[in-house]
Amino acid sequence: MNQKDLDRINELARKSKSVGLTGQEKEEQARLRRLYIESVRMNLRSQLDVIDVREKDGTITNLGEKYGNKTKH
């Protein structure tokens, strides 16, 4: 997701609140929102994959190794 796409999402949101969107603009907005959400999820997963947790017994568990290979909910 680049800055141009983020600017377009914001532009469509402002237009939606003020004058409304055409059918084509609604489709574009939905597509851009899906891309944005996918991007956020991917970034969050990559951050969580590098987190190490120290357990009570002193062992260190990497969350990416423990949970990273599970399928989507």
N, C-alpha and C. Protein backbone atom coordinates (compact mmCIF):
# COMPACT_ATOMS: atom_id res chain seq x y z
N MET A 1 0.86 -1.16 0.00
CA MET A 1 0.00 0.00 0.00
C MET A 1 0.90 1.22 0.00
N ASN A 2 0.74 2.05 -1.00
CA ASN A 2 1.58 3.24 -1.09
C ASN A 2 0.79 4.49 -0.69
N GLN A 3 1.47 5.60 -0.61
CA GLN A 3 0.85 6.85 -0.17
C GLN A 3 -0.24 7.30 -1.13
N LYS A 4 -0.06 7.05 -2.41
CA LYS A 4 -1.07 7.43 -3.40
C LYS A 4 -2.40 6.73 -3.11
N ASP A 5 -2.34 5.44 -2.78
CA ASP A 5 -3.55 4.68 -2.46
C ASP A 5 -4.19 5.18 -1.17
N LEU A 6 -3.38 5.49 -0.17
CA LEU A 6 -3.91 6.02 1.08
C LEU A 6 -4.59 7.37 0.87
N ASP A 7 -3.98 8.20 0.06
CA ASP A 7 -4.58 9.50 -0.25
C ASP A 7 -5.92 9.32 -0.97
N ARG A 8 -5.98 8.35 -1.86
CA ARG A 8 -7.22 8.09 -2.60
C ARG A 8 -8.32 7.57 -1.66
N ILE A 9 -7.96 6.71 -0.70
CA ILE A 9 -8.93 6.23 0.29
C ILE A 9 -9.51 7.42 1.05
N ASN A 10 -8.66 8.31 1.49
CA ASN A 10 -9.11 9.49 2.25
C ASN A 10 -9.96 10.42 1.38
N GLU A 11 -9.56 10.58 0.14
CA GLU A 11 -10.32 11.43 -0.78
C GLU A 11 -11.74 10.87 -0.98
N LEU A 12 -11.83 9.55 -1.18
CA LEU A 12 -13.14 8.93 -1.38
C LEU A 12 -13.98 9.00 -0.11
N ALA A 13 -13.36 8.88 1.04
CA ALA A 13 -14.09 8.98 2.30
C ALA A 13 -14.67 10.37 2.49
N ARG A 14 -13.88 11.39 2.19
CA ARG A 14 -14.37 12.77 2.29
C ARG A 14 -15.52 13.02 1.32
N LYS A 15 -15.35 12.54 0.09
CA LYS A 15 -16.39 12.73 -0.92
C LYS A 15 -17.67 11.98 -0.54
N SER A 16 -17.51 10.80 0.04
CA SER A 16 -18.66 10.01 0.46
C SER A 16 -19.48 10.76 1.51
N LYS A 17 -18.81 11.43 2.42
CA LYS A 17 -19.50 12.17 3.47
C LYS A 17 -20.16 13.44 2.94
N SER A 18 -19.55 14.06 1.94
CA SER A 18 -20.07 15.36 1.48
C SER A 18 -21.13 15.21 0.38
N VAL A 19 -20.80 14.58 -0.74
CA VAL A 19 -21.74 14.53 -1.87
C VAL A 19 -22.15 13.13 -2.27
N GLY A 20 -21.48 12.12 -1.74
CA GLY A 20 -21.80 10.74 -2.10
C GLY A 20 -20.90 10.23 -3.21
N LEU A 21 -20.92 8.91 -3.41
CA LEU A 21 -20.06 8.27 -4.40
C LEU A 21 -20.89 7.61 -5.48
N THR A 22 -20.31 7.52 -6.66
CA THR A 22 -20.92 6.77 -7.75
C THR A 22 -20.68 5.28 -7.49
N GLY A 23 -21.35 4.44 -8.24
CA GLY A 23 -21.17 3.00 -8.09
C GLY A 23 -19.74 2.58 -8.31
N GLN A 24 -19.10 3.16 -9.32
CA GLN A 24 -17.71 2.83 -9.63
C GLN A 24 -16.79 3.27 -8.50
N GLU A 25 -17.05 4.43 -7.93
CA GLU A 25 -16.23 4.92 -6.83
C GLU A 25 -16.41 4.06 -5.58
N LYS A 26 -17.63 3.58 -5.35
CA LYS A 26 -17.87 2.69 -4.22
C LYS A 26 -17.08 1.40 -4.37
N GLU A 27 -17.04 0.87 -5.58
CA GLU A 27 -16.26 -0.35 -5.84
C GLU A 27 -14.77 -0.10 -5.62
N GLU A 28 -14.30 1.05 -6.10
CA GLU A 28 -12.88 1.40 -5.91
C GLU A 28 -12.56 1.55 -4.43
N GLN A 29 -13.46 2.19 -3.69
CA GLN A 29 -13.26 2.38 -2.27
C GLN A 29 -13.19 1.03 -1.54
N ALA A 30 -14.09 0.13 -1.89
CA ALA A 30 -14.09 -1.19 -1.26
C ALA A 30 -12.81 -1.95 -1.58
N ARG A 31 -12.34 -1.87 -2.83
CA ARG A 31 -11.11 -2.55 -3.24
C ARG A 31 -9.91 -1.98 -2.48
N LEU A 32 -9.83 -0.66 -2.40
CA LEU A 32 -8.72 -0.03 -1.70
C LEU A 32 -8.74 -0.34 -0.20
N ARG A 33 -9.92 -0.40 0.38
CA ARG A 33 -10.03 -0.74 1.80
C ARG A 33 -9.57 -2.17 2.05
N ARG A 34 -9.95 -3.10 1.14
CA ARG A 34 -9.50 -4.49 1.29
C ARG A 34 -7.97 -4.57 1.22
N LEU A 35 -7.38 -3.84 0.27
CA LEU A 35 -5.92 -3.83 0.14
C LEU A 35 -5.27 -3.27 1.40
N TYR A 36 -5.86 -2.21 1.95
CA TYR A 36 -5.33 -1.60 3.16
C TYR A 36 -5.37 -2.58 4.33
N ILE A 37 -6.50 -3.23 4.51
CA ILE A 37 -6.65 -4.19 5.61
C ILE A 37 -5.67 -5.35 5.45
N GLU A 38 -5.50 -5.85 4.23
CA GLU A 38 -4.53 -6.92 3.99
C GLU A 38 -3.12 -6.47 4.34
N SER A 39 -2.80 -5.22 3.99
CA SER A 39 -1.48 -4.68 4.28
C SER A 39 -1.25 -4.57 5.79
N VAL A 40 -2.25 -4.09 6.52
CA VAL A 40 -2.13 -3.97 7.98
C VAL A 40 -1.96 -5.34 8.61
N ARG A 41 -2.75 -6.31 8.17
CA ARG A 41 -2.65 -7.67 8.72
C ARG A 41 -1.28 -8.27 8.45
N MET A 42 -0.77 -8.08 7.24
CA MET A 42 0.54 -8.62 6.89
C MET A 42 1.63 -8.00 7.76
N ASN A 43 1.56 -6.69 7.96
CA ASN A 43 2.55 -6.00 8.80
C ASN A 43 2.46 -6.47 10.24
N LEU A 44 1.26 -6.65 10.76
CA LEU A 44 1.09 -7.11 12.13
C LEU A 44 1.63 -8.52 12.29
N ARG A 45 1.34 -9.40 11.34
CA ARG A 45 1.85 -10.77 11.42
C ARG A 45 3.38 -10.79 11.41
N SER A 46 3.97 -9.96 10.56
CA SER A 46 5.43 -9.97 10.49
C SER A 46 6.05 -9.44 11.79
N GLN A 47 5.37 -8.49 12.44
CA GLN A 47 5.86 -8.00 13.73
C GLN A 47 5.71 -9.06 14.80
N LEU A 48 4.57 -9.73 14.82
CA LEU A 48 4.34 -10.76 15.83
C LEU A 48 5.28 -11.95 15.65
N ASP A 49 5.67 -12.23 14.42
CA ASP A 49 6.54 -13.38 14.15
C ASP A 49 7.93 -13.22 14.75
N VAL A 50 8.34 -12.01 15.07
CA VAL A 50 9.68 -11.81 15.61
C VAL A 50 9.68 -11.54 17.12
N ILE A 51 8.53 -11.68 17.75
CA ILE A 51 8.44 -11.46 19.20
C ILE A 51 8.80 -12.73 19.95
N ASP A 52 9.67 -12.58 20.93
CA ASP A 52 10.04 -13.68 21.81
C ASP A 52 9.42 -13.43 23.18
N VAL A 53 8.86 -14.49 23.76
CA VAL A 53 8.24 -14.39 25.08
C VAL A 53 9.01 -15.29 26.04
N ARG A 54 9.38 -14.72 27.19
CA ARG A 54 10.06 -15.52 28.21
C ARG A 54 8.98 -16.15 29.09
N GLU A 55 8.98 -17.46 29.12
CA GLU A 55 8.00 -18.20 29.91
C GLU A 55 8.40 -18.20 31.38
N LYS A 56 7.49 -18.64 32.26
CA LYS A 56 7.76 -18.65 33.70
C LYS A 56 8.93 -19.55 34.05
N ASP A 57 9.12 -20.61 33.26
CA ASP A 57 10.22 -21.54 33.55
C ASP A 57 11.56 -21.07 32.99
N GLY A 58 11.57 -19.89 32.35
CA GLY A 58 12.81 -19.31 31.83
C GLY A 58 13.06 -19.58 30.36
N THR A 59 12.27 -20.45 29.75
CA THR A 59 12.46 -20.72 28.33
C THR A 59 11.93 -19.55 27.51
N ILE A 60 12.46 -19.44 26.32
CA ILE A 60 12.04 -18.38 25.42
C ILE A 60 11.28 -19.01 24.26
N THR A 61 10.07 -18.49 24.01
CA THR A 61 9.22 -18.99 22.94
C THR A 61 9.06 -17.91 21.90
N ASN A 62 9.35 -18.24 20.66
CA ASN A 62 9.15 -17.31 19.55
C ASN A 62 7.72 -17.47 19.06
N LEU A 63 6.97 -16.37 19.05
CA LEU A 63 5.56 -16.44 18.66
C LEU A 63 5.39 -16.83 17.19
N GLY A 64 6.32 -16.45 16.34
CA GLY A 64 6.23 -16.83 14.94
C GLY A 64 6.36 -18.32 14.76
N GLU A 65 7.25 -18.94 15.51
CA GLU A 65 7.41 -20.39 15.42
C GLU A 65 6.23 -21.11 16.05
N LYS A 66 5.67 -20.53 17.11
CA LYS A 66 4.59 -21.19 17.83
C LYS A 66 3.25 -21.05 17.10
N TYR A 67 2.97 -19.86 16.57
CA TYR A 67 1.66 -19.60 15.98
C TYR A 67 1.69 -19.26 14.49
N GLY A 68 2.83 -18.99 13.95
CA GLY A 68 2.94 -18.49 12.58
C GLY A 68 2.45 -19.41 11.50
N ASN A 69 2.48 -20.71 11.71
CA ASN A 69 2.12 -21.65 10.67
C ASN A 69 0.66 -22.07 10.72
N LYS A 70 -0.13 -21.50 11.60
CA LYS A 70 -1.54 -21.87 11.70
C LYS A 70 -2.30 -21.26 10.53
N THR A 71 -3.40 -21.89 10.17
CA THR A 71 -4.23 -21.39 9.08
C THR A 71 -5.07 -20.22 9.58
N LYS A 72 -5.64 -19.48 8.64
CA LYS A 72 -6.48 -18.35 9.00
C LYS A 72 -7.73 -18.82 9.70
N HIS A 73 -8.29 -17.96 10.55
CA HIS A 73 -9.51 -18.29 11.30
C HIS A 73 -10.70 -18.26 10.38
